[in-house]
Amino acid sequence: EERRQKKLGKYANVKSKDDLKKLEEEERETSSKDNERKAAVAREAGVTLTVLEATEFENLSEKSNFEPINVQASGPQKRSWFKELDEELNNEIDNMMNEGDGIAAVSVTGDDDDSANTGGPRVINGKVVSQEDMQGIRVGSAGGWSLEVFPGDFVVHRKYGIGRFDKTVLKSRTKLSEEEQEARDKRREEIVRELMAARNTTEEIQSVVSKFGTDDDNDPISNPLSTLLEIAYNDAIVHVPVDRAYRLSRYRAGDAAIKPRLSRVKGEAWSKAKNKVEVNTLQMAQDVLALYATRETLKRSPFDPSVEGKVKAFGETFGYEPTPDQYKCFEAVENDMVWRTRPMDRLVCGDVGFGKVRLNILDYWVNSHLEK
């Protein structure tokens, strides 16, 4: 049952279309309220947070390497102890997704049209998730930085390395200034006095006091909150405040066929990787500078400009008239050959059939004619 709950999540008790519609309505209402609170808390930190609707589910198709390993049975078969149970749950998921009254037949909008399957829950990595679970965010500040990510996107943290964005969460702030601590304590005292003035019992007051600083404490002064981005790494989960999201950037090759390996928070692997790239980049820059410095020191005797008439006569033997761009290109190359004492460093680009070979033949003729 524990494994079933893990795979099916909140959909474990769904038995009919009506159950699913009710669950989705509750999910949308809860998600909307949570998003409003997250955006409000982010604004207090000087950051704008916008919720983006889920557009695709491909990002989570690759499993993280932060996954538990099934215990393998001893013996020649070496079959996982949970293999049969996983197969049963996967069959149950398939039935829920394929049956007429199953999950896949209901859209988020609650339409009764069974063909509508663009907004309903999906199976991701063997788990059933809703559209609300796959909503992305866009965060930014007046300073000009911004970040747009969806669950499953790979990101890079300056300190921790490559991770996977999972979701946004609200958590109590653990580091408060002295003024905020004083305001928090004063507010909690006011709440207790109000309860005593309302003649609440000792048990009721104690119940309220026990909730101070917990998820059930909804007072913004008694329990200051922070909107956090939850990033999964190989060996840990890191929560990044939205006002420090500028330390994150999208992994540029996140859409590649081979997914990146998540970094480890513990240890110095990421630091060593950064240092190695820094050293290699510096070495490459030095090599390029040395190459161009060497080129600047090389000298050669320029070509004889008196052969220009012979070059034009040879060019007229070609079957087609050169285009203005071909004329311009050859003149630039010829000027390098005739008037400069440094070896030519020029790249000629052009599509197929645009005259690169014609230009090369002219240059080759000049070199061979002058025995260069």
Protein backbone atom coordinates (compact mmCIF):
# COMPACT_ATOMS: atom_id res chain seq x y z
CA GLU A 1 0.00 0.00 0.00
CA GLU A 2 2.88 2.36 0.76
CA ARG A 3 4.36 1.77 -2.68
CA ARG A 4 0.92 2.24 -4.26
CA GLN A 5 0.46 5.57 -2.47
CA LYS A 6 3.90 6.69 -3.63
CA LYS A 7 3.21 5.94 -7.29
CA LEU A 8 -0.40 7.14 -7.48
CA GLY A 9 -0.08 9.97 -4.96
CA LYS A 10 -3.29 11.87 -4.35
CA TYR A 11 -4.97 9.83 -7.11
CA ALA A 12 -4.65 6.58 -5.17
CA ASN A 13 -8.27 6.75 -3.96
CA VAL A 14 -9.79 7.87 -7.28
CA LYS A 15 -12.41 5.34 -8.38
CA SER A 16 -14.59 7.28 -10.81
CA LYS A 17 -14.81 10.35 -12.97
CA ASP A 18 -16.76 12.19 -10.27
CA ASP A 19 -14.03 11.50 -7.74
CA LEU A 20 -11.45 12.84 -10.16
CA LYS A 21 -13.43 16.00 -10.92
CA LYS A 22 -13.84 16.72 -7.23
CA LEU A 23 -10.15 16.15 -6.60
CA GLU A 24 -9.13 18.40 -9.49
CA GLU A 25 -11.42 21.21 -8.31
CA GLU A 26 -9.87 21.04 -4.87
CA GLU A 27 -6.41 20.92 -6.42
CA ARG A 28 -7.04 24.02 -8.56
CA GLU A 29 -8.46 25.98 -5.64
CA THR A 30 -5.58 25.05 -3.33
CA SER A 31 -2.99 25.70 -6.03
CA SER A 32 -4.47 29.11 -6.84
CA LYS A 33 -4.36 30.21 -3.20
CA ASP A 34 -0.81 28.92 -2.76
CA ASN A 35 0.36 30.72 -5.90
CA GLU A 36 -1.17 33.99 -4.68
CA ARG A 37 0.60 33.64 -1.33
CA LYS A 38 3.92 32.78 -3.00
CA ALA A 39 3.64 35.80 -5.31
CA ALA A 40 2.75 38.10 -2.40
CA VAL A 41 5.69 36.87 -0.30
CA ALA A 42 8.01 37.26 -3.30
CA ARG A 43 6.86 40.87 -3.80
CA GLU A 44 7.78 41.64 -0.20
CA ALA A 45 11.30 40.44 -1.06
CA GLY A 46 11.41 42.76 -4.10
CA VAL A 47 10.89 40.02 -6.67
CA THR A 48 8.06 39.44 -9.13
CA LEU A 49 6.79 35.87 -9.46
CA THR A 50 4.50 34.81 -12.30
CA VAL A 51 2.99 31.33 -12.58
CA LEU A 52 3.21 29.80 -16.06
CA GLU A 53 0.77 27.18 -17.24
CA ALA A 54 2.17 23.75 -18.07
CA THR A 55 2.72 23.34 -21.79
CA GLU A 56 4.48 19.99 -22.06
CA PHE A 57 5.43 16.99 -19.96
CA GLU A 58 8.61 15.84 -21.70
CA ASN A 59 11.00 17.44 -19.22
CA LEU A 60 10.46 14.81 -16.57
CA SER A 61 10.72 11.85 -18.89
CA GLU A 62 14.27 11.20 -17.69
CA LYS A 63 14.67 9.88 -14.17
CA SER A 64 16.96 11.71 -11.80
CA ASN A 65 20.01 9.88 -10.52
CA PHE A 66 18.69 10.82 -7.08
CA GLU A 67 16.56 7.64 -6.95
CA PRO A 68 16.45 4.73 -4.49
CA ILE A 69 17.63 1.37 -5.81
CA ASN A 70 15.41 -1.67 -5.55
CA VAL A 71 16.74 -4.38 -3.28
CA GLN A 72 17.87 -7.32 -5.42
CA ALA A 73 17.07 -10.86 -4.32
CA SER A 74 19.86 -13.36 -4.04
CA GLY A 75 20.07 -16.34 -6.37
CA PRO A 76 20.43 -16.84 -10.10
CA GLN A 77 17.24 -14.93 -11.03
CA LYS A 78 18.16 -11.69 -9.19
CA ARG A 79 14.62 -10.38 -9.56
CA SER A 80 13.64 -7.30 -7.58
CA TRP A 81 11.52 -8.02 -4.54
CA PHE A 82 9.14 -5.26 -5.70
CA LYS A 83 9.09 -6.18 -9.37
CA GLU A 84 5.69 -7.89 -9.34
CA LEU A 85 4.18 -5.13 -7.21
CA ASP A 86 5.53 -2.47 -9.59
CA GLU A 87 4.02 -4.33 -12.53
CA GLU A 88 0.62 -4.42 -10.82
CA LEU A 89 0.74 -0.71 -10.05
CA ASN A 90 1.84 0.14 -13.57
CA ASN A 91 -1.09 -1.89 -14.92
CA GLU A 92 -3.41 0.00 -12.57
CA ILE A 93 -2.02 3.31 -13.82
CA ASP A 94 -2.49 2.19 -17.43
CA ASN A 95 -6.10 1.20 -16.72
CA MET A 96 -6.79 4.52 -15.05
CA MET A 97 -5.30 6.34 -18.02
CA ASN A 98 -7.07 4.32 -20.70
CA GLU A 99 -10.53 3.51 -19.35
CA GLY A 100 -13.47 5.71 -20.21
CA ASP A 101 -13.93 6.77 -16.62
CA GLY A 102 -10.20 6.93 -15.95
CA ILE A 103 -7.88 9.83 -15.43
CA ALA A 104 -6.95 10.40 -19.05
CA ALA A 105 -10.59 10.94 -20.05
CA VAL A 106 -11.12 14.04 -17.90
CA SER A 107 -9.77 17.49 -18.62
CA VAL A 108 -8.85 20.15 -16.11
CA THR A 109 -11.76 22.26 -17.26
CA GLY A 110 -14.13 19.54 -16.16
CA ASP A 111 -15.68 18.98 -19.57
CA ASP A 112 -17.65 15.78 -20.03
CA ASP A 113 -16.16 15.29 -23.48
CA ASP A 114 -14.11 12.09 -23.16
CA SER A 115 -11.96 13.13 -26.07
CA ALA A 116 -10.58 16.09 -24.13
CA ASN A 117 -7.24 14.98 -22.80
CA THR A 118 -5.11 18.09 -23.07
CA GLY A 119 -5.40 19.24 -19.48
CA GLY A 120 -5.81 16.07 -17.45
CA PRO A 121 -3.23 14.38 -15.24
CA ARG A 122 -0.37 12.48 -16.78
CA VAL A 123 1.97 9.67 -15.76
CA ILE A 124 5.52 10.96 -15.23
CA ASN A 125 8.20 8.46 -14.17
CA GLY A 126 5.50 6.03 -13.02
CA LYS A 127 3.66 8.66 -10.95
CA VAL A 128 0.38 10.40 -11.72
CA VAL A 129 0.74 14.19 -11.64
CA SER A 130 -1.69 17.01 -12.41
CA GLN A 131 -1.32 20.15 -14.50
CA GLU A 132 -0.92 22.15 -11.28
CA ASP A 133 2.10 20.02 -10.39
CA MET A 134 3.72 20.99 -13.70
CA GLN A 135 3.19 24.74 -13.59
CA GLY A 136 6.33 26.77 -14.20
CA ILE A 137 7.41 30.14 -12.86
CA ARG A 138 9.02 33.34 -14.08
CA VAL A 139 10.90 35.33 -11.45
CA GLY A 140 12.74 38.61 -11.87
CA SER A 141 13.58 41.92 -10.27
CA ALA A 142 13.85 45.56 -11.19
CA GLY A 143 17.60 45.03 -11.48
CA GLY A 144 17.05 43.28 -14.80
CA TRP A 145 17.68 39.60 -14.06
CA SER A 146 15.00 37.01 -14.76
CA LEU A 147 14.59 33.23 -14.71
CA GLU A 148 11.91 31.07 -16.33
CA VAL A 149 11.76 27.39 -15.41
CA PHE A 150 9.33 24.48 -15.39
CA PRO A 151 9.47 21.41 -13.15
CA GLY A 152 12.06 19.05 -14.55
CA ASP A 153 14.22 21.77 -16.11
CA PHE A 154 17.93 21.53 -15.41
CA VAL A 155 19.50 24.59 -13.79
CA VAL A 156 23.01 25.58 -12.72
CA HIS A 157 23.71 27.12 -9.31
CA ARG A 158 26.90 29.11 -8.94
CA LYS A 159 27.84 27.25 -5.77
CA TYR A 160 26.21 23.82 -6.05
CA GLY A 161 26.34 23.07 -9.76
CA ILE A 162 23.82 21.27 -12.00
CA GLY A 163 20.46 20.51 -10.40
CA ARG A 164 16.83 19.93 -11.38
CA PHE A 165 14.08 22.41 -10.56
CA ASP A 166 11.13 20.57 -8.98
CA LYS A 167 8.72 23.15 -7.54
CA THR A 168 8.25 26.30 -5.46
CA VAL A 169 7.48 26.07 -1.76
CA LEU A 170 6.62 28.37 1.13
CA LYS A 171 8.70 27.94 4.27
CA SER A 172 9.23 29.87 7.47
CA ARG A 173 12.21 32.16 7.42
CA THR A 174 14.92 30.99 9.79
CA LYS A 175 17.17 34.06 9.63
CA LEU A 176 15.44 37.20 10.91
CA SER A 177 16.85 40.61 11.74
CA GLU A 178 16.62 41.90 15.31
CA GLU A 179 13.73 44.19 14.33
CA GLU A 180 11.85 41.27 12.74
CA GLN A 181 12.43 39.09 15.81
CA GLU A 182 11.10 41.82 18.09
CA ALA A 183 8.05 42.32 15.84
CA ARG A 184 7.44 38.54 15.77
CA ASP A 185 7.59 38.19 19.58
CA LYS A 186 5.40 41.24 20.07
CA ARG A 187 2.80 39.95 17.62
CA ARG A 188 2.65 36.54 19.33
CA GLU A 189 2.13 38.24 22.68
CA GLU A 190 -0.72 40.26 21.16
CA ILE A 191 -2.33 37.07 19.82
CA VAL A 192 -2.18 35.43 23.27
CA ARG A 193 -3.66 38.53 24.93
CA GLU A 194 -6.48 38.61 22.40
CA LEU A 195 -7.27 34.97 23.11
CA MET A 196 -7.26 35.60 26.85
CA ALA A 197 -9.52 38.63 26.41
CA ALA A 198 -11.90 36.45 24.42
CA ARG A 199 -11.99 34.06 27.43
CA ASN A 200 -10.53 31.10 25.55
CA THR A 201 -9.61 28.10 27.64
CA THR A 202 -6.02 27.26 28.55
CA GLU A 203 -6.09 24.27 26.24
CA GLU A 204 -7.25 26.42 23.31
CA ILE A 205 -4.55 29.00 23.95
CA GLN A 206 -1.90 26.31 24.24
CA SER A 207 -3.09 24.85 20.95
CA VAL A 208 -2.62 28.21 19.20
CA VAL A 209 0.78 28.79 20.82
CA SER A 210 1.98 25.35 19.69
CA LYS A 211 1.31 26.37 16.07
CA PHE A 212 3.56 29.43 16.20
CA GLY A 213 6.22 29.15 13.48
CA THR A 214 4.59 26.14 11.82
CA ASP A 215 2.72 25.75 8.52
CA ASP A 216 -0.53 26.33 10.42
CA ASP A 217 0.64 29.80 11.53
CA ASN A 218 -0.84 32.09 8.86
CA ASP A 219 0.05 35.39 10.54
CA PRO A 220 2.68 37.13 8.33
CA ILE A 221 4.33 38.84 11.32
CA SER A 222 4.28 35.90 13.72
CA ASN A 223 5.50 33.55 11.01
CA PRO A 224 7.45 35.40 8.26
CA LEU A 225 7.55 33.25 5.13
CA SER A 226 9.89 32.97 2.18
CA THR A 227 9.15 31.69 -1.32
CA LEU A 228 11.77 29.11 -2.23
CA LEU A 229 12.77 27.25 -5.38
CA GLU A 230 13.29 23.57 -4.63
CA ILE A 231 16.29 22.20 -6.55
CA ALA A 232 17.10 18.47 -6.53
CA TYR A 233 20.74 17.39 -6.57
CA ASN A 234 22.38 14.00 -6.60
CA ASP A 235 22.66 13.78 -2.82
CA ALA A 236 20.43 16.53 -1.43
CA ILE A 237 17.57 18.99 -1.87
CA VAL A 238 18.49 22.70 -1.89
CA HIS A 239 16.00 25.52 -1.30
CA VAL A 240 16.92 28.79 -3.03
CA PRO A 241 15.04 31.99 -1.99
CA VAL A 242 13.43 33.78 -4.92
CA ASP A 243 15.39 36.96 -4.15
CA ARG A 244 18.56 34.92 -4.73
CA ALA A 245 17.38 33.19 -7.87
CA TYR A 246 19.87 35.31 -9.82
CA ARG A 247 22.41 32.70 -8.71
CA LEU A 248 20.59 30.21 -10.94
CA SER A 249 20.66 29.91 -14.71
CA ARG A 250 19.10 27.43 -17.09
CA TYR A 251 21.31 24.56 -18.21
CA ARG A 252 21.89 25.44 -21.87
CA ALA A 253 22.05 21.86 -23.13
CA GLY A 254 19.00 20.73 -21.16
CA ASP A 255 17.20 19.60 -24.33
CA ALA A 256 20.05 17.36 -25.45
CA ALA A 257 19.47 13.64 -25.93
CA ILE A 258 21.92 12.82 -23.14
CA LYS A 259 20.76 14.36 -19.89
CA PRO A 260 23.36 15.86 -17.55
CA ARG A 261 24.32 14.14 -14.33
CA LEU A 262 23.18 16.00 -11.24
CA SER A 263 25.96 17.49 -9.16
CA ARG A 264 26.70 16.53 -5.59
CA VAL A 265 26.22 19.20 -2.96
CA LYS A 266 28.67 17.55 -0.60
CA GLY A 267 32.31 17.41 -1.62
CA GLU A 268 34.34 19.54 -4.02
CA ALA A 269 33.44 17.96 -7.37
CA TRP A 270 31.66 21.07 -8.73
CA SER A 271 34.40 23.41 -7.48
CA LYS A 272 37.05 21.26 -9.14
CA ALA A 273 35.06 21.18 -12.39
CA LYS A 274 34.79 24.99 -12.41
CA ASN A 275 38.49 25.39 -11.69
CA LYS A 276 39.35 22.97 -14.51
CA VAL A 277 37.21 24.91 -17.00
CA GLU A 278 38.74 28.18 -15.82
CA VAL A 279 42.29 26.84 -16.31
CA ASN A 280 41.45 25.38 -19.75
CA THR A 281 39.77 28.62 -20.86
CA LEU A 282 42.76 30.68 -19.75
CA GLN A 283 45.12 28.32 -21.59
CA MET A 284 43.01 28.55 -24.74
CA ALA A 285 43.04 32.35 -24.56
CA GLN A 286 46.83 32.34 -24.15
CA ASP A 287 47.23 30.01 -27.13
CA VAL A 288 45.05 32.23 -29.33
CA LEU A 289 46.96 35.36 -28.28
CA ALA A 290 50.26 33.62 -28.98
CA LEU A 291 49.03 32.49 -32.41
CA TYR A 292 47.98 35.98 -33.47
CA ALA A 293 51.13 37.52 -32.01
CA THR A 294 53.17 35.09 -34.13
CA ARG A 295 51.15 35.96 -37.23
CA GLU A 296 51.85 39.66 -36.68
CA THR A 297 55.61 39.00 -36.72
CA LEU A 298 55.62 36.99 -39.98
CA LYS A 299 56.67 38.84 -43.11
CA ARG A 300 56.59 38.06 -46.82
CA SER A 301 57.37 39.93 -50.01
CA PRO A 302 54.24 41.33 -51.68
CA PHE A 303 53.15 40.15 -55.11
CA ASP A 304 54.01 42.06 -58.26
CA PRO A 305 51.05 44.38 -59.10
CA SER A 306 52.10 44.48 -62.77
CA VAL A 307 50.35 41.17 -63.47
CA GLU A 308 46.90 42.69 -62.84
CA GLY A 309 46.21 42.95 -66.57
CA LYS A 310 47.10 39.30 -67.13
CA VAL A 311 44.83 38.30 -64.24
CA LYS A 312 41.89 40.13 -65.80
CA ALA A 313 42.60 38.51 -69.16
CA PHE A 314 42.65 35.09 -67.54
CA GLY A 315 39.37 35.85 -65.73
CA GLU A 316 37.68 36.69 -69.03
CA THR A 317 38.25 33.13 -70.22
CA PHE A 318 35.60 31.90 -67.77
CA GLY A 319 32.17 31.09 -69.18
CA TYR A 320 30.14 33.37 -66.89
CA GLU A 321 30.28 36.98 -65.85
CA PRO A 322 31.24 37.36 -62.17
CA THR A 323 28.69 38.91 -59.85
CA PRO A 324 29.36 42.21 -58.02
CA ASP A 325 30.01 40.27 -54.82
CA GLN A 326 32.53 38.04 -56.61
CA TYR A 327 34.31 41.10 -57.97
CA LYS A 328 34.40 42.66 -54.51
CA CYS A 329 35.69 39.45 -52.90
CA PHE A 330 38.49 38.93 -55.43
CA GLU A 331 39.61 42.56 -55.17
CA ALA A 332 39.88 42.21 -51.38
CA VAL A 333 41.95 39.03 -51.74
CA GLU A 334 44.11 40.55 -54.48
CA ASN A 335 44.80 43.64 -52.35
CA ASP A 336 45.96 41.38 -49.52
CA MET A 337 48.32 39.59 -51.91
CA VAL A 338 49.72 42.69 -53.57
CA TRP A 339 49.84 45.44 -50.94
CA ARG A 340 50.34 43.66 -47.61
CA THR A 341 53.62 42.24 -46.32
CA ARG A 342 51.93 39.94 -43.80
CA PRO A 343 50.60 36.49 -44.82
CA MET A 344 46.92 36.60 -45.68
CA ASP A 345 44.42 35.57 -42.98
CA ARG A 346 41.04 35.63 -44.70
CA LEU A 347 38.05 33.28 -44.81
CA VAL A 348 35.94 33.13 -47.98
CA CYS A 349 32.35 31.98 -47.32
CA GLY A 350 29.58 31.25 -49.77
CA ASP A 351 26.82 28.78 -50.60
CA VAL A 352 27.15 26.06 -53.22
CA GLY A 353 27.45 27.57 -56.71
CA PHE A 354 28.24 31.11 -55.52
CA GLY A 355 31.74 31.26 -57.08
CA LYS A 356 34.20 30.13 -54.40
CA VAL A 357 36.00 27.79 -56.85
CA ARG A 358 36.25 30.54 -59.47
CA LEU A 359 37.89 32.79 -56.90
CA ASN A 360 40.27 30.03 -55.82
CA ILE A 361 41.33 29.36 -59.42
CA LEU A 362 42.16 33.05 -59.94
CA ASP A 363 44.22 33.14 -56.74
CA TYR A 364 45.98 29.91 -57.68
CA TRP A 365 46.77 31.29 -61.14
CA VAL A 366 48.38 34.41 -59.61
CA ASN A 367 50.48 32.29 -57.24
CA SER A 368 51.63 29.90 -59.97
CA HIS A 369 52.29 32.68 -62.47
CA LEU A 370 54.59 34.46 -60.03
CA GLU A 371 56.08 31.16 -58.87
CA LYS A 372 55.05 31.74 -55.27
